[in-house]
C-alpha atoms as a PDB file:
ATOM      1  CA  MET A   1     -34.320   5.851  -4.751  1.00  0.00           C
ATOM      2  CA  ASN A   2     -34.415   2.105  -5.490  1.00  0.00           C
ATOM      3  CA  GLN A   3     -35.846   0.353  -2.461  1.00  0.00           C
ATOM      4  CA  SER A   4     -36.607  -3.306  -1.869  1.00  0.00           C
ATOM      5  CA  SER A   5     -40.225  -4.168  -2.536  1.00  0.00           C
ATOM      6  CA  PRO A   6     -42.508  -5.197   0.379  1.00  0.00           C
ATOM      7  CA  SER A   7     -42.207  -8.831  -0.712  1.00  0.00           C
ATOM      8  CA  THR A   8     -38.417  -8.556  -0.660  1.00  0.00           C
ATOM      9  CA  PHE A   9     -38.473  -7.045   2.800  1.00  0.00           C
ATOM     10  CA  ASN A  10     -40.820  -9.801   4.014  1.00  0.00           C
ATOM     11  CA  PHE A  11     -38.321 -12.345   2.694  1.00  0.00           C
ATOM     12  CA  ILE A  12     -35.538 -10.575   4.572  1.00  0.00           C
ATOM     13  CA  THR A  13     -37.622 -10.510   7.752  1.00  0.00           C
ATOM     14  CA  ASN A  14     -38.448 -14.205   7.495  1.00  0.00           C
ATOM     15  CA  GLU A  15     -34.836 -15.084   6.777  1.00  0.00           C
ATOM     16  CA  TYR A  16     -33.810 -13.418  10.009  1.00  0.00           C
ATOM     17  CA  ASN A  17     -36.019 -15.651  12.148  1.00  0.00           C
ATOM     18  CA  SER A  18     -33.123 -18.064  12.583  1.00  0.00           C
ATOM     19  CA  ARG A  19     -30.354 -17.555  15.157  1.00  0.00           C
ATOM     20  CA  ASN A  20     -27.481 -17.579  12.667  1.00  0.00           C
ATOM     21  CA  VAL A  21     -25.009 -14.747  12.380  1.00  0.00           C
ATOM     22  CA  ARG A  22     -25.511 -12.592   9.280  1.00  0.00           C
ATOM     23  CA  ARG A  23     -23.370 -10.282   7.210  1.00  0.00           C
ATOM     24  CA  LEU A  24     -25.235  -7.230   5.911  1.00  0.00           C
ATOM     25  CA  ARG A  25     -24.106  -4.721   3.293  1.00  0.00           C
ATOM     26  CA  LEU A  26     -26.118  -1.551   2.617  1.00  0.00           C
ATOM     27  CA  ARG A  27     -25.432   0.974  -0.117  1.00  0.00           C
ATOM     28  CA  TRP A  28     -26.785   4.484  -0.749  1.00  0.00           C
ATOM     29  CA  ASN A  29     -26.207   6.622  -3.849  1.00  0.00           C
ATOM     30  CA  ARG A  30     -24.781  10.047  -3.083  1.00  0.00           C
ATOM     31  CA  SER A  31     -27.734  11.866  -4.686  1.00  0.00           C
ATOM     32  CA  ASP A  32     -30.205  10.063  -2.437  1.00  0.00           C
ATOM     33  CA  LEU A  33     -28.404  11.213   0.720  1.00  0.00           C
ATOM     34  CA  GLU A  34     -29.027  14.872  -0.055  1.00  0.00           C
ATOM     35  CA  GLY A  35     -32.438  14.710   1.623  1.00  0.00           C
ATOM     36  CA  ILE A  36     -30.787  13.938   4.973  1.00  0.00           C
ATOM     37  CA  THR A  37     -29.652  17.242   6.488  1.00  0.00           C
ATOM     38  CA  GLU A  38     -26.488  16.032   8.207  1.00  0.00           C
ATOM     39  CA  PHE A  39     -25.297  14.126   5.129  1.00  0.00           C
ATOM     40  CA  LYS A  40     -26.079  17.099   2.884  1.00  0.00           C
ATOM     41  CA  GLN A  41     -24.008  19.344   5.165  1.00  0.00           C
ATOM     42  CA  LEU A  42     -21.068  16.935   4.923  1.00  0.00           C
ATOM     43  CA  MET A  43     -21.365  16.418   1.162  1.00  0.00           C
ATOM     44  CA  ASP A  44     -21.277  20.176   0.623  1.00  0.00           C
ATOM     45  CA  VAL A  45     -17.790  20.435   2.163  1.00  0.00           C
ATOM     46  CA  VAL A  46     -15.988  17.140   1.425  1.00  0.00           C
ATOM     47  CA  GLN A  47     -15.132  14.952  -1.548  1.00  0.00           C
ATOM     48  CA  LYS A  48     -14.389  12.007   0.710  1.00  0.00           C
ATOM     49  CA  TYR A  49     -14.888  11.124   4.365  1.00  0.00           C
ATOM     50  CA  GLU A  50     -13.688   7.627   5.274  1.00  0.00           C
ATOM     51  CA  ILE A  51     -13.777   6.278   8.812  1.00  0.00           C
ATOM     52  CA  LEU A  52     -10.712   4.057   9.234  1.00  0.00           C
ATOM     53  CA  ALA A  53     -11.124   2.970  12.853  1.00  0.00           C
ATOM     54  CA  HIS A  54     -13.354   3.425  15.890  1.00  0.00           C
ATOM     55  CA  MET A  55     -11.404   4.652  18.900  1.00  0.00           C
ATOM     56  CA  LYS A  56     -14.178   5.158  21.443  1.00  0.00           C
ATOM     57  CA  LEU A  57     -17.908   4.385  21.382  1.00  0.00           C
ATOM     58  CA  GLY A  58     -20.251   5.800  23.999  1.00  0.00           C
ATOM     59  CA  GLU A  59     -23.024   8.198  24.954  1.00  0.00           C
ATOM     60  CA  ASP A  60     -20.796  11.160  24.077  1.00  0.00           C
ATOM     61  CA  GLY A  61     -20.440  10.013  20.483  1.00  0.00           C
ATOM     62  CA  ILE A  62     -18.349   7.875  18.159  1.00  0.00           C
ATOM     63  CA  GLU A  63     -14.714   8.948  18.339  1.00  0.00           C
ATOM     64  CA  HIS A  64     -12.941   7.754  15.220  1.00  0.00           C
ATOM     65  CA  LEU A  65      -9.919   8.081  12.959  1.00  0.00           C
ATOM     66  CA  ALA A  66     -10.863   9.435   9.538  1.00  0.00           C
ATOM     67  CA  GLU A  67      -9.280  10.250   6.203  1.00  0.00           C
ATOM     68  CA  ILE A  68     -10.890  13.432   4.886  1.00  0.00           C
ATOM     69  CA  ILE A  69     -10.545  15.205   1.556  1.00  0.00           C
ATOM     70  CA  PRO A  70     -12.238  18.613   1.832  1.00  0.00           C
ATOM     71  CA  GLU A  71     -13.674  20.406  -1.186  1.00  0.00           C
ATOM     72  CA  GLU A  72     -11.347  23.289  -0.391  1.00  0.00           C
ATOM     73  CA  GLY A  73      -9.162  24.589   2.414  1.00  0.00           C
ATOM     74  CA  GLY A  74      -8.835  22.773   5.724  1.00  0.00           C
ATOM     75  CA  LEU A  75     -11.285  21.064   8.048  1.00  0.00           C
ATOM     76  CA  GLU A  76     -12.896  24.205   9.489  1.00  0.00           C
ATOM     77  CA  LYS A  77     -16.165  23.715   7.575  1.00  0.00           C
ATOM     78  CA  ILE A  78     -16.470  20.165   8.893  1.00  0.00           C
ATOM     79  CA  ASP A  79     -15.969  21.441  12.423  1.00  0.00           C
ATOM     80  CA  ASP A  80     -18.851  23.861  11.800  1.00  0.00           C
ATOM     81  CA  ILE A  81     -21.302  20.967  11.309  1.00  0.00           C
ATOM     82  CA  PRO A  82     -23.032  20.521  14.708  1.00  0.00           C
ATOM     83  CA  THR A  83     -22.660  16.710  14.774  1.00  0.00           C
ATOM     84  CA  PHE A  84     -18.925  16.721  13.902  1.00  0.00           C
ATOM     85  CA  ASP A  85     -16.142  17.739  16.281  1.00  0.00           C
ATOM     86  CA  VAL A  86     -12.603  17.630  14.858  1.00  0.00           C
ATOM     87  CA  LEU A  87     -10.460  16.675  17.866  1.00  0.00           C
ATOM     88  CA  GLU A  88      -6.987  16.538  16.339  1.00  0.00           C
ATOM     89  CA  ILE A  89      -5.353  16.686  12.914  1.00  0.00           C
ATOM     90  CA  HIS A  90      -2.575  14.092  12.758  1.00  0.00           C
ATOM     91  CA  GLU A  91      -1.187  14.731   9.282  1.00  0.00           C
ATOM     92  CA  LYS A  92      -1.885  16.172   5.843  1.00  0.00           C
ATOM     93  CA  ASP A  93      -0.923  14.623   2.524  1.00  0.00           C
ATOM     94  CA  GLU A  94       0.138  17.580   0.389  1.00  0.00           C
ATOM     95  CA  GLU A  95      -0.128  15.573  -2.848  1.00  0.00           C
ATOM     96  CA  THR A  96      -3.736  14.444  -2.422  1.00  0.00           C
ATOM     97  CA  GLY A  97      -4.969  17.172  -0.065  1.00  0.00           C
ATOM     98  CA  SER A  98      -6.227  14.523   2.371  1.00  0.00           C
ATOM     99  CA  TYR A  99      -6.155  14.849   6.148  1.00  0.00           C
ATOM    100  CA  LEU A 100      -5.835  12.143   8.803  1.00  0.00           C
ATOM    101  CA  ALA A 101      -7.812  13.346  11.819  1.00  0.00           C
ATOM    102  CA  SER A 102      -9.523  12.227  15.011  1.00  0.00           C
ATOM    103  CA  VAL A 103     -13.183  13.243  14.995  1.00  0.00           C
ATOM    104  CA  ASN A 104     -16.129  12.763  17.355  1.00  0.00           C
ATOM    105  CA  LEU A 105     -19.464  12.075  15.660  1.00  0.00           C
ATOM    106  CA  THR A 106     -22.874  12.540  17.297  1.00  0.00           C
ATOM    107  CA  HIS A 107     -25.058  12.004  14.210  1.00  0.00           C
ATOM    108  CA  SER A 108     -28.442  10.613  15.283  1.00  0.00           C
ATOM    109  CA  ILE A 109     -28.408   7.515  13.047  1.00  0.00           C
ATOM    110  CA  PRO A 110     -25.058   5.986  14.168  1.00  0.00           C
ATOM    111  CA  MET A 111     -25.905   6.912  17.757  1.00  0.00           C
ATOM    112  CA  MET A 112     -29.143   4.899  17.448  1.00  0.00           C
ATOM    113  CA  MET A 113     -27.120   1.934  16.178  1.00  0.00           C
ATOM    114  CA  LEU A 114     -25.147   1.920  19.424  1.00  0.00           C
ATOM    115  CA  ASP A 115     -28.323   0.852  21.196  1.00  0.00           C
ATOM    116  CA  LEU A 116     -28.521  -2.365  19.164  1.00  0.00           C
ATOM    117  CA  GLU A 117     -26.733  -5.250  20.857  1.00  0.00           C
ATOM    118  CA  LYS A 118     -24.563  -7.802  19.066  1.00  0.00           C
ATOM    119  CA  ILE A 119     -24.082  -5.615  15.969  1.00  0.00           C
ATOM    120  CA  HIS A 120     -20.616  -4.854  14.585  1.00  0.00           C
ATOM    121  CA  LEU A 121     -20.096  -2.053  12.041  1.00  0.00           C
ATOM    122  CA  HIS A 122     -16.908  -2.780  10.114  1.00  0.00           C
ATOM    123  CA  PRO A 123     -14.467   0.028   9.286  1.00  0.00           C
ATOM    124  CA  PRO A 124     -13.347   1.286   6.873  1.00  0.00           C
ATOM    125  CA  TYR A 125     -16.535   2.936   5.652  1.00  0.00           C
ATOM    126  CA  GLY A 126     -17.676   6.371   4.652  1.00  0.00           C
ATOM    127  CA  LEU A 127     -18.819   8.857   2.065  1.00  0.00           C
ATOM    128  CA  ASP A 128     -17.160   9.224  -1.331  1.00  0.00           C
ATOM    129  CA  LEU A 129     -18.135  10.574  -4.743  1.00  0.00           C
ATOM    130  CA  ASP A 130     -20.318   7.506  -5.387  1.00  0.00           C
ATOM    131  CA  GLY A 131     -22.186   7.422  -2.087  1.00  0.00           C
ATOM    132  CA  LEU A 132     -22.121   5.526   1.182  1.00  0.00           C
ATOM    133  CA  GLU A 133     -21.612   1.839   1.970  1.00  0.00           C
ATOM    134  CA  LEU A 134     -21.902   0.209   5.401  1.00  0.00           C
ATOM    135  CA  ASN A 135     -21.007  -3.370   6.341  1.00  0.00           C
ATOM    136  CA  PHE A 136     -22.329  -5.116   9.455  1.00  0.00           C
ATOM    137  CA  THR A 137     -22.194  -8.526  11.089  1.00  0.00           C
ATOM    138  CA  GLY A 138     -24.434  -9.606  13.927  1.00  0.00           C
ATOM    139  CA  ARG A 139     -27.030 -11.969  15.334  1.00  0.00           C
ATOM    140  CA  SER A 140     -30.132 -12.440  13.233  1.00  0.00           C
ATOM    141  CA  ASP A 141     -32.536 -10.825  15.695  1.00  0.00           C
ATOM    142  CA  SER A 142     -30.364  -7.719  16.069  1.00  0.00           C
ATOM    143  CA  MET A 143     -29.833  -7.451  12.307  1.00  0.00           C
ATOM    144  CA  LYS A 144     -33.581  -7.607  11.768  1.00  0.00           C
ATOM    145  CA  ARG A 145     -34.048  -4.594  14.068  1.00  0.00           C
ATOM    146  CA  LEU A 146     -31.222  -2.780  12.275  1.00  0.00           C
ATOM    147  CA  ILE A 147     -32.880  -3.298   8.886  1.00  0.00           C
ATOM    148  CA  GLU A 148     -36.190  -2.056  10.267  1.00  0.00           C
ATOM    149  CA  LEU A 149     -34.422   1.040  11.660  1.00  0.00           C
ATOM    150  CA  PHE A 150     -32.855   1.868   8.301  1.00  0.00           C
ATOM    151  CA  LYS A 151     -36.079   1.171   6.401  1.00  0.00           C
ATOM    152  CA  ILE A 152     -37.770   3.916   8.448  1.00  0.00           C
ATOM    153  CA  THR A 153     -34.968   6.459   8.822  1.00  0.00           C
ATOM    154  CA  MET A 154     -32.728   5.973   5.783  1.00  0.00           C
ATOM    155  CA  PRO A 155     -34.015   3.599   3.058  1.00  0.00           C
ATOM    156  CA  TRP A 156     -31.195   1.977   1.115  1.00  0.00           C
ATOM    157  CA  ASP A 157     -30.523   1.736  -2.610  1.00  0.00           C
ATOM    158  CA  SER A 158     -29.109  -1.789  -2.481  1.00  0.00           C
ATOM    159  CA  ILE A 159     -28.876  -4.515   0.136  1.00  0.00           C
ATOM    160  CA  SER A 160     -26.937  -7.759   0.413  1.00  0.00           C
ATOM    161  CA  ILE A 161     -27.340 -10.379   3.156  1.00  0.00           C
ATOM    162  CA  GLN A 162     -25.162 -13.430   3.668  1.00  0.00           C
ATOM    163  CA  SER A 163     -25.223 -16.140   6.278  1.00  0.00           C
ATOM    164  CA  VAL A 164     -22.018 -16.527   8.292  1.00  0.00           C
ATOM    165  CA  LYS A 165     -21.398 -20.133   9.303  1.00  0.00           C
ATOM    166  CA  SER A 166     -18.371 -21.164  11.322  1.00  0.00           C
ATOM    167  CA  ASN A 167     -18.141 -24.527   9.534  1.00  0.00           C
ATOM    168  CA  GLU A 168     -17.632 -22.892   6.133  1.00  0.00           C
ATOM    169  CA  GLY A 169     -13.930 -22.466   6.828  1.00  0.00           C
ATOM    170  CA  ASP A 170     -14.028 -18.835   5.722  1.00  0.00           C
ATOM    171  CA  VAL A 171     -13.073 -17.390   9.096  1.00  0.00           C
ATOM    172  CA  TRP A 172     -10.883 -14.603   7.787  1.00  0.00           C
ATOM    173  CA  ARG A 173     -13.695 -13.126   5.687  1.00  0.00           C
ATOM    174  CA  ASP A 174     -15.669 -12.816   8.912  1.00  0.00           C
ATOM    175  CA  ILE A 175     -12.816 -10.881  10.505  1.00  0.00           C
ATOM    176  CA  LEU A 176     -11.548  -8.720   7.618  1.00  0.00           C
ATOM    177  CA  THR A 177     -13.564  -6.609   5.171  1.00  0.00           C
ATOM    178  CA  GLU A 178     -13.235  -7.139   1.418  1.00  0.00           C
ATOM    179  CA  ARG A 179     -11.172  -3.958   1.157  1.00  0.00           C
ATOM    180  CA  GLN A 180      -8.833  -5.082   3.943  1.00  0.00           C
ATOM    181  CA  ILE A 181      -8.343  -8.425   2.173  1.00  0.00           C
ATOM    182  CA  GLU A 182      -7.459  -6.566  -1.048  1.00  0.00           C
ATOM    183  CA  VAL A 183      -4.941  -4.425   0.838  1.00  0.00           C
ATOM    184  CA  LEU A 184      -3.416  -7.436   2.603  1.00  0.00           C
ATOM    185  CA  ARG A 185      -3.056  -9.357  -0.677  1.00  0.00           C
ATOM    186  CA  GLN A 186      -1.319  -6.402  -2.319  1.00  0.00           C
ATOM    187  CA  ALA A 187       0.981  -5.872   0.670  1.00  0.00           C
ATOM    188  CA  VAL A 188       2.075  -9.513   0.652  1.00  0.00           C
ATOM    189  CA  LEU A 189       2.401  -9.612  -3.149  1.00  0.00           C
ATOM    190  CA  LEU A 190       4.654  -6.537  -3.237  1.00  0.00           C
ATOM    191  CA  GLY A 191       6.818  -7.688  -0.336  1.00  0.00           C
ATOM    192  CA  TYR A 192       5.717  -5.376   2.447  1.00  0.00           C
ATOM    193  CA  TYR A 193       5.824  -8.268   4.928  1.00  0.00           C
ATOM    194  CA  SER A 194       8.979  -9.852   3.530  1.00  0.00           C
ATOM    195  CA  GLU A 195      12.134  -9.913   5.641  1.00  0.00           C
ATOM    196  CA  GLU A 196      13.700  -7.166   3.523  1.00  0.00           C
ATOM    197  CA  ARG A 197      10.416  -5.160   3.449  1.00  0.00           C
ATOM    198  CA  GLY A 198      10.421  -4.807  -0.342  1.00  0.00           C
ATOM    199  CA  ILE A 199       8.113  -1.793  -0.505  1.00  0.00           C
ATOM    200  CA  LYS A 200       7.364   1.326   1.559  1.00  0.00           C
ATOM    201  CA  ILE A 201       3.868   2.264   2.740  1.00  0.00           C
ATOM    202  CA  LYS A 202       3.870   5.311   0.444  1.00  0.00           C
ATOM    203  CA  ASP A 203       4.602   3.176  -2.636  1.00  0.00           C
ATOM    204  CA  LEU A 204       2.140   0.514  -1.542  1.00  0.00           C
ATOM    205  CA  ALA A 205      -0.523   3.204  -1.195  1.00  0.00           C
ATOM    206  CA  GLU A 206       0.239   4.547  -4.670  1.00  0.00           C
ATOM    207  CA  SER A 207      -0.084   1.047  -6.147  1.00  0.00           C
ATOM    208  CA  MET A 208      -3.705   0.986  -4.937  1.00  0.00           C
ATOM    209  CA  GLY A 209      -4.509   4.619  -5.655  1.00  0.00           C
ATOM    210  CA  MET A 210      -4.932   5.735  -2.054  1.00  0.00           C
ATOM    211  CA  ALA A 211      -3.282   8.161   0.342  1.00  0.00           C
ATOM    212  CA  ARG A 212      -0.412   7.007   2.539  1.00  0.00           C
ATOM    213  CA  SER A 213      -2.452   7.781   5.650  1.00  0.00           C
ATOM    214  CA  THR A 214      -5.321   5.594   4.413  1.00  0.00           C
ATOM    215  CA  MET A 215      -2.972   2.697   3.681  1.00  0.00           C
ATOM    216  CA  GLY A 216      -1.392   3.061   7.114  1.00  0.00           C
ATOM    217  CA  GLY A 217      -4.821   2.956   8.731  1.00  0.00           C
ATOM    218  CA  HIS A 218      -5.796  -0.164   6.777  1.00  0.00           C
ATOM    219  CA  LEU A 219      -2.583  -1.995   7.692  1.00  0.00           C
ATOM    220  CA  LYS A 220      -2.924  -1.090  11.367  1.00  0.00           C
ATOM    221  CA  LEU A 221      -6.491  -2.445  11.517  1.00  0.00           C
ATOM    222  CA  ILE A 222      -5.542  -5.586   9.583  1.00  0.00           C
ATOM    223  CA  GLU A 223      -2.621  -6.323  11.911  1.00  0.00           C
ATOM    224  CA  GLN A 224      -4.763  -5.739  15.014  1.00  0.00           C
ATOM    225  CA  SER A 225      -7.486  -8.069  13.708  1.00  0.00           C
ATOM    226  CA  VAL A 226      -5.054 -10.801  12.644  1.00  0.00           C
ATOM    227  CA  MET A 227      -3.075 -10.746  15.891  1.00  0.00           C
ATOM    228  CA  SER A 228      -6.239 -10.725  18.021  1.00  0.00           C
ATOM    229  CA  LYS A 229      -7.424 -13.821  16.142  1.00  0.00           C
ATOM    230  CA  VAL A 230      -4.045 -15.525  16.626  1.00  0.00           C
ATOM    231  CA  VAL A 231      -4.088 -14.830  20.366  1.00  0.00           C
ATOM    232  CA  ASP A 232      -7.691 -16.101  20.636  1.00  0.00           C
ATOM    233  CA  ASP A 233      -6.710 -19.308  18.841  1.00  0.00           C
ATOM    234  CA  ILE A 234      -3.644 -19.818  21.045  1.00  0.00           C
ATOM    235  CA  GLY A 235      -5.819 -19.403  24.129  1.00  0.00           C
END
């Protein structure tokens, strides 16, 4: 596994001494997750597990909406993993074999992250054939503790840190993920938000090579984020 050198980590630690808000991106290769039991159990039964939205966060777990492509069959093997509880299956895409489901997760690492204040983990995120990527924003002191937690429990393969400054005029990139921005651009370009609604969700999804359920989840999150920002600005 390619980890940051001690000097790199010292630089990261020093950089986080300020009080600015930071954006953090961590990436793990799929092969390097095999040493973590709960990830290995999941990788053995799914091709893809993408968390589209958090529905409830608490001591009982992280209840979320996920798009899941199992290696074979349904979601029974996922339900057999002790830290995963499939609550409800909402739909299945017969063409791609993907499921849209509500799941409760009690994996130790995300549960530990709940204890860190002023940290936001941005959906969508999850496991695919390449590995795992997580995106966070938060206060510098909290992000420093998060990095230290991952360095001990789950060393990363790559790391990216950016400063988030309100006077940069890039507010929307603080609210939406890069993937959500890509989806929004495509939706506008193809006329999804035009008066005549020039394209259906299914066709929009196909234009980006994703399942209809995934596209629907992206659009729902984008609309919630945009409208919340509008209401905040209106006051």
